[in-house]
Amino acid sequence: MTKNKHYRYHLSLFICLFGWIFVNGQQPGPDCWPSFRGNARLTGNAPVVLKPPFRLLWTFKTGDAIKSSPVICNGTVYIGSNDGFLYALTSAGSLKWKFNAATAVESPPLIVENTIYVGSLEGILFALDASTGSLKWKYKTDGQISGSASQAIRMSTKRSCIVVGSYDFSLHCVDAASGKGIWKYESGNYINGAPAVSGNLIVFGGCDGVLHMLGVEDGKQVDQVDVETYIPASAAIPADKAFFGNYDGVFFCVDIRQKKILWQTEGGGPFLASPAVSAGKVVTGSQNRFIYCFDAGSGKELWKFKTNGKVDASPVIAGNHVVAASADGRIHLLDLSSGTEKWSYEIGSPVFSTPAVTSKMIAVGAGDGKVYVFGQ
């Protein structure tokens, strides 16, 4: 490569990367948890340092149980409820606005700039103004939406695309600005989790027991890895690896470049929680009541923590801590290195909602219909 070509190549690469960062809207940071797993790769990382103990700052009561997971940006907490509303709450715990989705909202919201994207059990994906809750558009699928939407960028148009799975067996790519469908990819069964996005690649697991890899541009299949039974949760894809569990209690690490399984563990319960990955460690929860930490390179079990209820809520890694909730009605703060519990709070109602973690608060929803917010 000549000097000029080398320069042009790196310049174009810089522009491409800078453009991707720019158009990707709200980015995760110490005071912003904009999506179900914090970022497009669904790695479940909060760039904050937590200093326990915490105290309960406030609660907010909705009209029914909460399965949705909260997101937080610009001092506002957004969360859905089985009462059919999406709520926007101030940092002090008062109602800012609520949007009537007509049916239960189990899907975690997604924040991109000043727009909230969220699905309902009626199968509708809504785009709302984050400041006012007013409807921008809605897109109808043919099955319920339980998982979070994710954002991708189609480089041919430089336009943002919202990708979301549905119980109609399909992953939908919807234009973020207009709400018009761009493409639809049909899998072999329900799609329950959120799609992970890395550049021009989308990775998601389905109830067909397949890890699917698609191109962002046209939704065409790049490849797939068959793990034989349901993948009910989302895969985390740091770098070129995908980490996820299945309903048979097997946890996998897949090389998404070579399309092969690097390692797998046996003997766990059904994995409905999505994993968090950081510092060479993978943390996830299981319905057998354990929170597990595996070595990301080898799959060796580093530690496990026993709760008193199934762990369907996905853990979050924040520095050297793990924030996790369980159906025993507790939220736990564990040491990432050892699994030792550093702090806990008994909510008293089952928790299936994944915590949102920022430098100022930890927010989570519970089966009693309340949003709980903790801080210093």
Protein backbone atom coordinates (compact mmCIF):
# COMPACT_ATOMS: atom_id res chain seq x y z
CA MET A 1 0.00 0.00 0.00
CA THR A 2 1.42 3.40 -0.96
CA LYS A 3 1.75 6.19 1.57
CA ASN A 4 -1.20 8.13 0.08
CA LYS A 5 -3.41 5.05 -0.13
CA HIS A 6 -2.45 4.13 3.43
CA TYR A 7 -3.41 7.64 4.58
CA ARG A 8 -6.72 7.60 2.69
CA TYR A 9 -7.55 4.16 4.11
CA HIS A 10 -7.05 5.25 7.71
CA LEU A 11 -8.82 8.55 7.12
CA SER A 12 -11.85 6.76 5.68
CA LEU A 13 -11.79 4.29 8.57
CA PHE A 14 -11.72 7.17 11.05
CA ILE A 15 -14.61 8.92 9.31
CA CYS A 16 -16.60 5.69 9.25
CA LEU A 17 -16.04 5.04 12.96
CA PHE A 18 -16.62 8.67 13.93
CA GLY A 19 -19.78 8.75 11.84
CA TRP A 20 -21.03 5.55 13.46
CA ILE A 21 -20.48 6.99 16.93
CA PHE A 22 -22.13 10.27 15.95
CA VAL A 23 -25.28 8.83 14.42
CA ASN A 24 -25.68 6.18 17.09
CA GLY A 25 -27.26 8.80 19.31
CA GLN A 26 -27.20 8.54 23.08
CA GLN A 27 -24.13 6.66 24.28
CA PRO A 28 -23.79 4.83 27.60
CA GLY A 29 -21.87 6.71 30.27
CA PRO A 30 -21.70 7.25 34.03
CA ASP A 31 -25.07 9.02 34.06
CA CYS A 32 -26.80 7.22 31.19
CA TRP A 33 -27.99 3.61 30.84
CA PRO A 34 -29.78 3.93 27.47
CA SER A 35 -30.68 0.31 26.73
CA PHE A 36 -31.49 -3.06 28.27
CA ARG A 37 -27.81 -4.12 28.49
CA GLY A 38 -26.26 -0.66 28.39
CA ASN A 39 -24.79 -0.81 24.87
CA ALA A 40 -25.37 -2.21 21.39
CA ARG A 41 -23.17 -5.28 22.00
CA LEU A 42 -25.36 -6.12 25.04
CA THR A 43 -22.33 -6.64 27.30
CA GLY A 44 -24.12 -5.43 30.45
CA ASN A 45 -21.36 -3.03 31.53
CA ALA A 46 -21.91 0.13 33.54
CA PRO A 47 -18.88 2.49 33.45
CA VAL A 48 -19.24 3.46 37.10
CA VAL A 49 -17.64 2.74 40.46
CA LEU A 50 -20.14 1.64 43.10
CA LYS A 51 -19.58 2.29 46.80
CA PRO A 52 -21.98 0.33 49.01
CA PRO A 53 -24.01 0.47 51.12
CA PHE A 54 -26.96 2.06 49.34
CA ARG A 55 -30.27 3.33 50.63
CA LEU A 56 -33.72 3.31 49.08
CA LEU A 57 -34.21 6.79 47.60
CA TRP A 58 -37.78 6.39 46.38
CA THR A 59 -40.42 4.09 44.92
CA PHE A 60 -43.11 4.67 42.32
CA LYS A 61 -46.26 2.53 42.04
CA THR A 62 -47.64 1.50 38.65
CA GLY A 63 -50.92 -0.29 38.09
CA ASP A 64 -49.65 -3.86 37.69
CA ALA A 65 -46.59 -6.08 37.93
CA ILE A 66 -43.38 -4.95 36.22
CA LYS A 67 -41.38 -7.29 33.98
CA SER A 68 -39.89 -4.50 31.87
CA SER A 69 -36.38 -3.29 32.66
CA PRO A 70 -35.69 0.42 33.21
CA VAL A 71 -33.38 2.70 31.25
CA ILE A 72 -32.02 6.01 32.50
CA CYS A 73 -30.80 9.14 30.72
CA ASN A 74 -30.86 12.87 31.40
CA GLY A 75 -32.10 12.29 34.93
CA THR A 76 -35.20 10.41 33.76
CA VAL A 77 -36.13 6.77 34.41
CA TYR A 78 -38.20 5.07 31.69
CA ILE A 79 -39.94 1.73 32.35
CA GLY A 80 -42.91 -0.28 31.12
CA SER A 81 -45.59 -1.99 33.20
CA ASN A 82 -48.07 -4.80 32.70
CA ASP A 83 -50.77 -2.16 33.23
CA GLY A 84 -50.19 -1.15 29.58
CA PHE A 85 -48.29 2.08 30.20
CA LEU A 86 -44.73 3.26 29.64
CA TYR A 87 -43.67 5.61 32.44
CA ALA A 88 -41.18 8.47 32.49
CA LEU A 89 -40.13 9.35 36.05
CA THR A 90 -38.00 12.22 37.32
CA SER A 91 -34.84 11.69 39.36
CA ALA A 92 -36.93 12.55 42.43
CA GLY A 93 -39.50 9.84 41.67
CA SER A 94 -42.41 11.91 40.39
CA LEU A 95 -44.34 11.20 37.19
CA LYS A 96 -43.10 13.16 34.20
CA TRP A 97 -45.45 11.50 31.68
CA LYS A 98 -46.96 8.13 30.83
CA PHE A 99 -47.92 6.64 27.47
CA ASN A 100 -50.85 4.28 26.98
CA ALA A 101 -49.70 1.29 24.91
CA ALA A 102 -53.07 -0.44 25.48
CA THR A 103 -51.48 -3.81 26.37
CA ALA A 104 -48.71 -4.92 28.73
CA VAL A 105 -45.23 -3.49 28.15
CA GLU A 106 -42.71 -6.19 29.16
CA SER A 107 -40.09 -5.02 26.69
CA PRO A 108 -37.31 -2.77 28.04
CA PRO A 109 -37.25 0.64 26.32
CA LEU A 110 -34.39 1.89 24.13
CA ILE A 111 -33.24 5.53 24.17
CA VAL A 112 -31.71 7.01 21.00
CA GLU A 113 -31.17 10.77 21.24
CA ASN A 114 -34.62 12.17 22.12
CA THR A 115 -36.65 9.13 21.10
CA ILE A 116 -37.87 6.14 23.11
CA TYR A 117 -38.47 2.87 21.24
CA VAL A 118 -40.48 0.20 23.04
CA GLY A 119 -42.60 -2.84 22.12
CA SER A 120 -45.85 -4.19 23.57
CA LEU A 121 -47.40 -7.62 23.95
CA GLU A 122 -49.80 -6.62 21.18
CA GLY A 123 -46.77 -6.70 18.88
CA ILE A 124 -46.50 -2.97 18.28
CA LEU A 125 -43.18 -1.10 18.28
CA PHE A 126 -43.71 2.50 19.39
CA ALA A 127 -41.46 5.53 18.86
CA LEU A 128 -42.11 8.25 21.45
CA ASP A 129 -40.72 11.70 22.15
CA ALA A 130 -38.53 11.22 25.22
CA SER A 131 -39.38 14.66 26.61
CA THR A 132 -43.16 14.57 26.27
CA GLY A 133 -44.20 10.96 25.60
CA SER A 134 -46.00 11.98 22.40
CA LEU A 135 -46.25 9.32 19.68
CA LYS A 136 -43.96 9.73 16.67
CA TRP A 137 -44.92 6.49 14.90
CA LYS A 138 -45.87 2.87 15.47
CA TYR A 139 -45.00 -0.32 13.60
CA LYS A 140 -47.05 -3.52 13.80
CA THR A 141 -45.62 -7.03 13.91
CA ASP A 142 -47.69 -10.22 13.94
CA GLY A 143 -46.65 -11.42 17.40
CA GLN A 144 -45.88 -10.11 20.86
CA ILE A 145 -42.68 -8.15 21.50
CA SER A 146 -41.01 -9.21 24.74
CA GLY A 147 -37.40 -8.27 24.11
CA SER A 148 -35.73 -4.89 23.78
CA ALA A 149 -35.11 -3.22 20.45
CA SER A 150 -31.57 -2.32 19.38
CA GLN A 151 -30.13 0.30 17.06
CA ALA A 152 -28.06 -0.37 13.95
CA ILE A 153 -26.75 1.84 11.14
CA ARG A 154 -27.23 0.97 7.47
CA MET A 155 -24.08 2.40 5.92
CA SER A 156 -25.57 2.64 2.41
CA THR A 157 -27.99 5.30 3.63
CA LYS A 158 -26.25 6.40 6.89
CA ARG A 159 -29.70 6.04 8.44
CA SER A 160 -30.54 4.52 11.79
CA CYS A 161 -32.46 1.25 11.83
CA ILE A 162 -34.31 -0.14 14.86
CA VAL A 163 -34.10 -3.94 14.99
CA VAL A 164 -36.53 -5.89 17.15
CA GLY A 165 -37.60 -9.51 17.50
CA SER A 166 -41.20 -10.71 17.65
CA TYR A 167 -43.18 -13.85 18.40
CA ASP A 168 -44.08 -13.83 14.70
CA PHE A 169 -40.69 -15.64 14.35
CA SER A 170 -39.15 -12.59 12.64
CA LEU A 171 -36.51 -9.97 13.30
CA HIS A 172 -37.70 -6.64 11.95
CA CYS A 173 -35.55 -3.71 10.77
CA VAL A 174 -37.53 -0.47 10.96
CA ASP A 175 -36.40 2.97 9.82
CA ALA A 176 -35.83 4.95 13.03
CA ALA A 177 -37.11 8.24 11.64
CA SER A 178 -40.19 7.15 9.68
CA GLY A 179 -41.25 3.82 11.23
CA LYS A 180 -41.33 2.14 7.82
CA GLY A 181 -40.20 -1.48 7.56
CA ILE A 182 -36.89 -1.96 5.72
CA TRP A 183 -36.44 -5.73 5.90
CA LYS A 184 -37.68 -8.74 7.84
CA TYR A 185 -35.75 -11.94 8.60
CA GLU A 186 -37.74 -15.06 9.47
CA SER A 187 -36.31 -17.51 12.00
CA GLY A 188 -37.74 -20.90 12.98
CA ASN A 189 -39.56 -19.91 16.19
CA TYR A 190 -40.28 -17.11 18.66
CA ILE A 191 -37.66 -14.42 19.24
CA ASN A 192 -37.67 -13.55 22.93
CA GLY A 193 -34.37 -11.70 23.47
CA ALA A 194 -32.77 -8.54 22.13
CA PRO A 195 -30.48 -8.51 19.08
CA ALA A 196 -26.84 -7.56 19.64
CA VAL A 197 -25.25 -5.24 17.07
CA SER A 198 -21.58 -4.86 16.16
CA GLY A 199 -20.92 -2.70 13.11
CA ASN A 200 -22.60 -4.42 10.15
CA LEU A 201 -23.41 -7.62 12.06
CA ILE A 202 -26.54 -8.51 14.04
CA VAL A 203 -26.42 -11.52 16.38
CA PHE A 204 -29.42 -13.03 18.15
CA GLY A 205 -30.65 -16.32 19.52
CA GLY A 206 -34.11 -17.71 19.06
CA CYS A 207 -36.47 -20.34 20.39
CA ASP A 208 -35.46 -22.37 17.32
CA GLY A 209 -32.19 -23.17 19.14
CA VAL A 210 -30.07 -21.27 16.62
CA LEU A 211 -27.65 -18.37 17.05
CA HIS A 212 -28.35 -16.25 13.96
CA MET A 213 -25.88 -13.84 12.34
CA LEU A 214 -27.27 -11.31 9.86
CA GLY A 215 -26.02 -8.34 7.85
CA VAL A 216 -27.44 -4.99 8.94
CA GLU A 217 -27.76 -3.74 5.38
CA ASP A 218 -30.23 -6.27 3.99
CA GLY A 219 -31.00 -8.73 6.80
CA LYS A 220 -29.48 -11.61 4.86
CA GLN A 221 -28.10 -14.48 6.88
CA VAL A 222 -24.32 -14.45 7.23
CA ASP A 223 -24.18 -17.72 9.14
CA GLN A 224 -25.67 -19.60 12.08
CA VAL A 225 -24.70 -21.94 14.94
CA ASP A 226 -27.17 -24.61 16.04
CA VAL A 227 -27.27 -25.32 19.80
CA GLU A 228 -30.33 -27.59 19.56
CA THR A 229 -32.66 -26.04 22.13
CA TYR A 230 -34.27 -22.69 23.01
CA ILE A 231 -32.12 -19.58 23.40
CA PRO A 232 -34.60 -17.48 25.41
CA ALA A 233 -32.25 -14.62 26.31
CA SER A 234 -29.87 -12.26 24.53
CA ALA A 235 -26.27 -12.92 23.54
CA ALA A 236 -23.45 -10.61 24.62
CA ILE A 237 -20.89 -10.04 21.85
CA PRO A 238 -17.71 -8.35 23.07
CA ALA A 239 -15.17 -8.38 20.22
CA ASP A 240 -15.60 -11.55 18.12
CA LYS A 241 -17.18 -13.83 20.75
CA ALA A 242 -20.82 -14.46 21.59
CA PHE A 243 -21.79 -15.56 25.12
CA PHE A 244 -25.25 -16.98 25.87
CA GLY A 245 -27.11 -19.81 27.59
CA ASN A 246 -29.94 -22.07 26.50
CA TYR A 247 -33.01 -23.58 28.14
CA ASP A 248 -31.26 -26.92 28.78
CA GLY A 249 -28.82 -25.23 31.18
CA VAL A 250 -25.86 -25.17 28.79
CA PHE A 251 -23.81 -21.97 28.55
CA PHE A 252 -21.85 -21.27 25.36
CA CYS A 253 -18.98 -19.21 24.01
CA VAL A 254 -19.11 -19.02 20.21
CA ASP A 255 -16.52 -17.53 17.86
CA ILE A 256 -18.71 -15.45 15.54
CA ARG A 257 -15.94 -15.11 12.95
CA GLN A 258 -15.16 -18.80 12.69
CA LYS A 259 -18.78 -19.79 13.45
CA LYS A 260 -17.85 -22.46 15.95
CA ILE A 261 -18.38 -23.25 19.62
CA LEU A 262 -15.20 -22.54 21.61
CA TRP A 263 -16.47 -23.89 24.92
CA GLN A 264 -19.65 -24.85 26.71
CA THR A 265 -20.63 -25.67 30.28
CA GLU A 266 -23.06 -28.32 31.48
CA GLY A 267 -25.29 -28.77 34.50
CA GLY A 268 -26.86 -25.34 34.92
CA GLY A 269 -30.56 -24.64 35.04
CA PRO A 270 -32.42 -22.84 32.24
CA PHE A 271 -30.68 -19.57 31.34
CA LEU A 272 -33.33 -16.87 30.85
CA ALA A 273 -30.92 -14.15 32.00
CA SER A 274 -28.55 -12.48 29.55
CA PRO A 275 -24.84 -12.46 30.49
CA ALA A 276 -22.62 -9.55 31.43
CA VAL A 277 -19.00 -9.59 30.22
CA SER A 278 -16.02 -7.61 31.54
CA ALA A 279 -12.37 -8.04 32.53
CA GLY A 280 -12.18 -11.59 31.19
CA LYS A 281 -15.23 -12.71 33.20
CA VAL A 282 -18.76 -13.67 32.20
CA VAL A 283 -21.56 -13.39 34.76
CA THR A 284 -25.07 -14.76 34.29
CA GLY A 285 -28.03 -16.05 36.28
CA SER A 286 -30.03 -19.26 36.05
CA GLN A 287 -33.42 -20.60 37.05
CA ASN A 288 -31.59 -23.06 39.32
CA ARG A 289 -31.18 -20.05 41.70
CA PHE A 290 -27.46 -19.52 41.08
CA ILE A 291 -25.51 -16.57 39.74
CA TYR A 292 -22.45 -17.88 37.88
CA CYS A 293 -19.13 -16.32 36.97
CA PHE A 294 -17.11 -18.04 34.22
CA ASP A 295 -13.65 -17.37 32.83
CA ALA A 296 -14.35 -15.84 29.41
CA GLY A 297 -11.40 -17.58 27.79
CA SER A 298 -11.78 -21.12 29.09
CA GLY A 299 -15.30 -21.42 30.48
CA LYS A 300 -13.97 -22.45 33.88
CA GLU A 301 -16.38 -21.71 36.72
CA LEU A 302 -14.73 -19.05 38.91
CA TRP A 303 -17.52 -18.78 41.48
CA LYS A 304 -21.26 -19.14 41.96
CA PHE A 305 -23.62 -17.37 44.35
CA LYS A 306 -26.77 -19.04 45.69
CA THR A 307 -29.96 -17.00 45.86
CA ASN A 308 -33.34 -18.12 47.24
CA GLY A 309 -35.17 -17.74 43.93
CA LYS A 310 -34.69 -18.21 40.21
CA VAL A 311 -32.55 -15.58 38.49
CA ASP A 312 -34.25 -14.44 35.30
CA ALA A 313 -33.11 -10.81 35.62
CA SER A 314 -29.83 -10.15 33.83
CA PRO A 315 -26.84 -9.11 35.99
CA VAL A 316 -24.88 -5.91 35.40
CA ILE A 317 -21.13 -5.51 35.91
CA ALA A 318 -20.05 -2.14 37.34
CA GLY A 319 -16.31 -1.97 37.96
CA ASN A 320 -15.48 -4.72 40.43
CA HIS A 321 -19.10 -5.29 41.39
CA VAL A 322 -22.04 -7.26 40.04
CA VAL A 323 -25.58 -5.93 40.46
CA ALA A 324 -28.13 -8.75 40.27
CA ALA A 325 -31.78 -9.29 41.17
CA SER A 326 -33.70 -12.50 41.75
CA ALA A 327 -37.19 -13.90 42.24
CA ASP A 328 -36.52 -14.13 45.98
CA GLY A 329 -37.33 -10.42 46.03
CA ARG A 330 -33.77 -9.27 46.65
CA ILE A 331 -31.27 -7.11 44.84
CA HIS A 332 -27.66 -8.16 45.43
CA LEU A 333 -24.30 -6.44 45.07
CA LEU A 334 -21.53 -9.01 44.65
CA ASP A 335 -17.75 -8.75 44.39
CA LEU A 336 -16.79 -9.55 40.78
CA SER A 337 -13.55 -11.27 41.79
CA SER A 338 -14.92 -13.58 44.49
CA GLY A 339 -18.73 -13.57 44.35
CA THR A 340 -18.89 -12.37 47.95
CA GLU A 341 -22.04 -10.41 48.76
CA LYS A 342 -21.25 -6.80 49.68
CA TRP A 343 -24.80 -5.46 50.05
CA SER A 344 -28.39 -6.56 49.53
CA TYR A 345 -31.89 -5.18 49.87
CA GLU A 346 -35.06 -7.19 50.34
CA ILE A 347 -37.80 -5.76 48.15
CA GLY A 348 -40.18 -8.52 49.19
CA SER A 349 -41.66 -9.14 45.75
CA PRO A 350 -40.19 -11.22 42.89
CA VAL A 351 -37.86 -9.30 40.59
CA PHE A 352 -37.59 -10.26 36.90
CA SER A 353 -36.57 -6.77 35.79
CA THR A 354 -32.90 -6.16 34.94
CA PRO A 355 -31.34 -3.30 36.95
CA ALA A 356 -30.28 -0.06 35.30
CA VAL A 357 -27.05 1.28 36.83
CA THR A 358 -25.61 4.80 36.71
CA SER A 359 -23.31 6.80 38.97
CA LYS A 360 -26.31 8.32 40.73
CA MET A 361 -28.79 5.46 41.00
CA ILE A 362 -29.68 1.80 40.63
CA ALA A 363 -33.23 1.33 39.36
CA VAL A 364 -35.29 -1.86 39.05
CA GLY A 365 -38.93 -2.90 38.71
CA ALA A 366 -40.69 -5.58 40.78
CA GLY A 367 -43.68 -7.89 40.79
CA ASP A 368 -45.55 -5.61 43.19
CA GLY A 369 -45.77 -3.02 40.40
CA LYS A 370 -43.28 -0.64 41.98
CA VAL A 371 -40.11 0.93 40.62
CA TYR A 372 -37.33 0.95 43.25
CA VAL A 373 -34.45 3.41 43.05
CA PHE A 374 -31.35 3.14 45.26
CA GLY A 375 -28.46 5.53 45.77
CA GLN A 376 -26.12 7.05 48.33
